[in-house]
Amino acid sequence: MKNSEKRKANSEKNIFPFSPSVLRQAQDVVSSSNYAIRNPQFVYG
């Protein structure tokens, strides 16, 4: 692998730090927004 390719891979890794906790937070956001879509009164109270 050339150095430029290695650098690109490293910078991409830094942009997307998909640790389990980050993924879990994203799943929470998705599931709560799905809940809000099904239950509009939950959002607009």
PDB file of N, CA and C in Angstrom:
ATOM      1  N   MET A   1       0.841  -1.199   0.000  1.00  0.00           N
ATOM      2  CA  MET A   1       0.000   0.000   0.000  1.00  0.00           C
ATOM      3  C   MET A   1       0.874   1.246   0.000  1.00  0.00           C
ATOM      4  N   LYS A   2       0.551   2.186  -0.865  1.00  0.00           N
ATOM      5  CA  LYS A   2       1.325   3.424  -0.901  1.00  0.00           C
ATOM      6  C   LYS A   2       0.996   4.266   0.324  1.00  0.00           C
ATOM      7  N   ASN A   3       1.920   5.199   0.638  1.00  0.00           N
ATOM      8  CA  ASN A   3       1.734   6.022   1.827  1.00  0.00           C
ATOM      9  C   ASN A   3       0.463   6.865   1.731  1.00  0.00           C
ATOM     10  N   SER A   4       0.162   7.400   0.534  1.00  0.00           N
ATOM     11  CA  SER A   4      -1.033   8.233   0.393  1.00  0.00           C
ATOM     12  C   SER A   4      -2.295   7.409   0.655  1.00  0.00           C
ATOM     13  N   GLU A   5      -2.298   6.162   0.169  1.00  0.00           N
ATOM     14  CA  GLU A   5      -3.453   5.294   0.422  1.00  0.00           C
ATOM     15  C   GLU A   5      -3.598   5.004   1.917  1.00  0.00           C
ATOM     16  N   LYS A   6      -2.446   4.780   2.575  1.00  0.00           N
ATOM     17  CA  LYS A   6      -2.481   4.506   4.001  1.00  0.00           C
ATOM     18  C   LYS A   6      -3.044   5.710   4.758  1.00  0.00           C
ATOM     19  N   ARG A   7      -2.584   6.913   4.362  1.00  0.00           N
ATOM     20  CA  ARG A   7      -3.077   8.130   5.009  1.00  0.00           C
ATOM     21  C   ARG A   7      -4.582   8.269   4.814  1.00  0.00           C
ATOM     22  N   LYS A   8      -5.061   7.984   3.597  1.00  0.00           N
ATOM     23  CA  LYS A   8      -6.497   8.088   3.312  1.00  0.00           C
ATOM     24  C   LYS A   8      -7.284   7.127   4.192  1.00  0.00           C
ATOM     25  N   ALA A   9      -6.791   5.919   4.327  1.00  0.00           N
ATOM     26  CA  ALA A   9      -7.481   4.937   5.161  1.00  0.00           C
ATOM     27  C   ALA A   9      -7.535   5.410   6.609  1.00  0.00           C
ATOM     28  N   ASN A  10      -6.442   5.984   7.090  1.00  0.00           N
ATOM     29  CA  ASN A  10      -6.408   6.456   8.467  1.00  0.00           C
ATOM     30  C   ASN A  10      -7.370   7.613   8.673  1.00  0.00           C
ATOM     31  N   SER A  11      -7.433   8.540   7.726  1.00  0.00           N
ATOM     32  CA  SER A  11      -8.326   9.682   7.896  1.00  0.00           C
ATOM     33  C   SER A  11      -9.785   9.224   7.829  1.00  0.00           C
ATOM     34  N   GLU A  12     -10.082   8.249   6.971  1.00  0.00           N
ATOM     35  CA  GLU A  12     -11.440   7.717   6.932  1.00  0.00           C
ATOM     36  C   GLU A  12     -11.799   7.051   8.254  1.00  0.00           C
ATOM     37  N   LYS A  13     -10.836   6.361   8.853  1.00  0.00           N
ATOM     38  CA  LYS A  13     -11.078   5.724  10.138  1.00  0.00           C
ATOM     39  C   LYS A  13     -11.407   6.778  11.199  1.00  0.00           C
ATOM     40  N   ASN A  14     -10.727   7.931  11.129  1.00  0.00           N
ATOM     41  CA  ASN A  14     -10.962   8.974  12.114  1.00  0.00           C
ATOM     42  C   ASN A  14     -12.324   9.635  11.909  1.00  0.00           C
ATOM     43  N   ILE A  15     -12.784   9.724  10.653  1.00  0.00           N
ATOM     44  CA  ILE A  15     -14.070  10.350  10.376  1.00  0.00           C
ATOM     45  C   ILE A  15     -15.204   9.465  10.883  1.00  0.00           C
ATOM     46  N   PHE A  16     -15.038   8.153  10.793  1.00  0.00           N
ATOM     47  CA  PHE A  16     -16.103   7.227  11.169  1.00  0.00           C
ATOM     48  C   PHE A  16     -15.669   6.356  12.344  1.00  0.00           C
ATOM     49  N   PRO A  17     -15.673   6.913  13.560  1.00  0.00           N
ATOM     50  CA  PRO A  17     -15.270   6.099  14.713  1.00  0.00           C
ATOM     51  C   PRO A  17     -16.445   5.269  15.208  1.00  0.00           C
ATOM     52  N   PHE A  18     -16.754   4.184  14.476  1.00  0.00           N
ATOM     53  CA  PHE A  18     -17.940   3.403  14.801  1.00  0.00           C
ATOM     54  C   PHE A  18     -17.659   2.471  15.966  1.00  0.00           C
ATOM     55  N   SER A  19     -17.600   3.038  17.144  1.00  0.00           N
ATOM     56  CA  SER A  19     -17.520   2.198  18.328  1.00  0.00           C
ATOM     57  C   SER A  19     -18.919   1.715  18.673  1.00  0.00           C
ATOM     58  N   PRO A  20     -19.028   0.634  19.441  1.00  0.00           N
ATOM     59  CA  PRO A  20     -20.358   0.095  19.763  1.00  0.00           C
ATOM     60  C   PRO A  20     -21.282   1.123  20.399  1.00  0.00           C
ATOM     61  N   SER A  21     -20.741   1.994  21.251  1.00  0.00           N
ATOM     62  CA  SER A  21     -21.601   2.977  21.916  1.00  0.00           C
ATOM     63  C   SER A  21     -22.161   3.976  20.912  1.00  0.00           C
ATOM     64  N   VAL A  22     -21.346   4.367  19.918  1.00  0.00           N
ATOM     65  CA  VAL A  22     -21.836   5.280  18.884  1.00  0.00           C
ATOM     66  C   VAL A  22     -22.956   4.619  18.090  1.00  0.00           C
ATOM     67  N   LEU A  23     -22.749   3.349  17.730  1.00  0.00           N
ATOM     68  CA  LEU A  23     -23.791   2.626  16.994  1.00  0.00           C
ATOM     69  C   LEU A  23     -25.057   2.502  17.834  1.00  0.00           C
ATOM     70  N   ARG A  24     -24.899   2.262  19.123  1.00  0.00           N
ATOM     71  CA  ARG A  24     -26.062   2.126  19.988  1.00  0.00           C
ATOM     72  C   ARG A  24     -26.818   3.451  20.069  1.00  0.00           C
ATOM     73  N   GLN A  25     -26.066   4.563  20.168  1.00  0.00           N
ATOM     74  CA  GLN A  25     -26.722   5.869  20.201  1.00  0.00           C
ATOM     75  C   GLN A  25     -27.486   6.111  18.910  1.00  0.00           C
ATOM     76  N   ALA A  26     -26.885   5.752  17.773  1.00  0.00           N
ATOM     77  CA  ALA A  26     -27.568   5.933  16.491  1.00  0.00           C
ATOM     78  C   ALA A  26     -28.838   5.098  16.443  1.00  0.00           C
ATOM     79  N   GLN A  27     -28.780   3.867  16.941  1.00  0.00           N
ATOM     80  CA  GLN A  27     -29.976   3.015  16.965  1.00  0.00           C
ATOM     81  C   GLN A  27     -31.047   3.625  17.865  1.00  0.00           C
ATOM     82  N   ASP A  28     -30.634   4.222  18.992  1.00  0.00           N
ATOM     83  CA  ASP A  28     -31.601   4.862  19.879  1.00  0.00           C
ATOM     84  C   ASP A  28     -32.285   6.016  19.169  1.00  0.00           C
ATOM     85  N   VAL A  29     -31.506   6.823  18.456  1.00  0.00           N
ATOM     86  CA  VAL A  29     -32.076   7.952  17.734  1.00  0.00           C
ATOM     87  C   VAL A  29     -33.067   7.474  16.680  1.00  0.00           C
ATOM     88  N   VAL A  30     -32.666   6.435  15.937  1.00  0.00           N
ATOM     89  CA  VAL A  30     -33.548   5.907  14.888  1.00  0.00           C
ATOM     90  C   VAL A  30     -34.835   5.357  15.497  1.00  0.00           C
ATOM     91  N   SER A  31     -34.713   4.581  16.554  1.00  0.00           N
ATOM     92  CA  SER A  31     -35.910   3.973  17.129  1.00  0.00           C
ATOM     93  C   SER A  31     -36.809   5.028  17.755  1.00  0.00           C
ATOM     94  N   SER A  32     -36.230   6.060  18.378  1.00  0.00           N
ATOM     95  CA  SER A  32     -37.074   7.096  18.970  1.00  0.00           C
ATOM     96  C   SER A  32     -37.726   7.945  17.891  1.00  0.00           C
ATOM     97  N   SER A  33     -37.036   8.179  16.762  1.00  0.00           N
ATOM     98  CA  SER A  33     -37.673   8.935  15.678  1.00  0.00           C
ATOM     99  C   SER A  33     -38.770   8.089  15.027  1.00  0.00           C
ATOM    100  N   ASN A  34     -38.563   6.767  14.910  1.00  0.00           N
ATOM    101  CA  ASN A  34     -39.628   5.893  14.425  1.00  0.00           C
ATOM    102  C   ASN A  34     -40.832   5.951  15.359  1.00  0.00           C
ATOM    103  N   TYR A  35     -40.578   5.941  16.660  1.00  0.00           N
ATOM    104  CA  TYR A  35     -41.660   6.045  17.643  1.00  0.00           C
ATOM    105  C   TYR A  35     -42.398   7.371  17.462  1.00  0.00           C
ATOM    106  N   ALA A  36     -41.643   8.444  17.235  1.00  0.00           N
ATOM    107  CA  ALA A  36     -42.254   9.759  17.076  1.00  0.00           C
ATOM    108  C   ALA A  36     -43.108   9.821  15.811  1.00  0.00           C
ATOM    109  N   ILE A  37     -42.654   9.136  14.755  1.00  0.00           N
ATOM    110  CA  ILE A  37     -43.431   9.123  13.513  1.00  0.00           C
ATOM    111  C   ILE A  37     -44.754   8.385  13.739  1.00  0.00           C
ATOM    112  N   ARG A  38     -44.702   7.293  14.483  1.00  0.00           N
ATOM    113  CA  ARG A  38     -45.935   6.529  14.731  1.00  0.00           C
ATOM    114  C   ARG A  38     -46.835   7.233  15.739  1.00  0.00           C
ATOM    115  N   ASN A  39     -46.249   8.067  16.605  1.00  0.00           N
ATOM    116  CA  ASN A  39     -47.025   8.708  17.661  1.00  0.00           C
ATOM    117  C   ASN A  39     -46.810  10.224  17.606  1.00  0.00           C
ATOM    118  N   PRO A  40     -47.429  10.922  16.657  1.00  0.00           N
ATOM    119  CA  PRO A  40     -47.154  12.356  16.491  1.00  0.00           C
ATOM    120  C   PRO A  40     -47.479  13.165  17.739  1.00  0.00           C
ATOM    121  N   GLN A  41     -48.472  12.743  18.508  1.00  0.00           N
ATOM    122  CA  GLN A  41     -48.812  13.515  19.702  1.00  0.00           C
ATOM    123  C   GLN A  41     -47.671  13.480  20.711  1.00  0.00           C
ATOM    124  N   PHE A  42     -46.815  12.449  20.605  1.00  0.00           N
ATOM    125  CA  PHE A  42     -45.653  12.358  21.483  1.00  0.00           C
ATOM    126  C   PHE A  42     -44.701  13.531  21.223  1.00  0.00           C
ATOM    127  N   VAL A  43     -44.616  13.952  19.975  1.00  0.00           N
ATOM    128  CA  VAL A  43     -43.705  15.040  19.619  1.00  0.00           C
ATOM    129  C   VAL A  43     -44.384  16.389  19.806  1.00  0.00           C
ATOM    130  N   TYR A  44     -45.622  16.489  19.312  1.00  0.00           N
ATOM    131  CA  TYR A  44     -46.256  17.800  19.240  1.00  0.00           C
ATOM    132  C   TYR A  44     -47.089  18.100  20.478  1.00  0.00           C
ATOM    133  N   GLY A  45     -47.128  17.119  21.384  1.00  0.00           N
ATOM    134  CA  GLY A  45     -47.704  17.245  22.696  1.00  0.00           C
ATOM    135  C   GLY A  45     -48.973  18.054  22.778  1.00  0.00           C
TER     136      GLY A  45
END
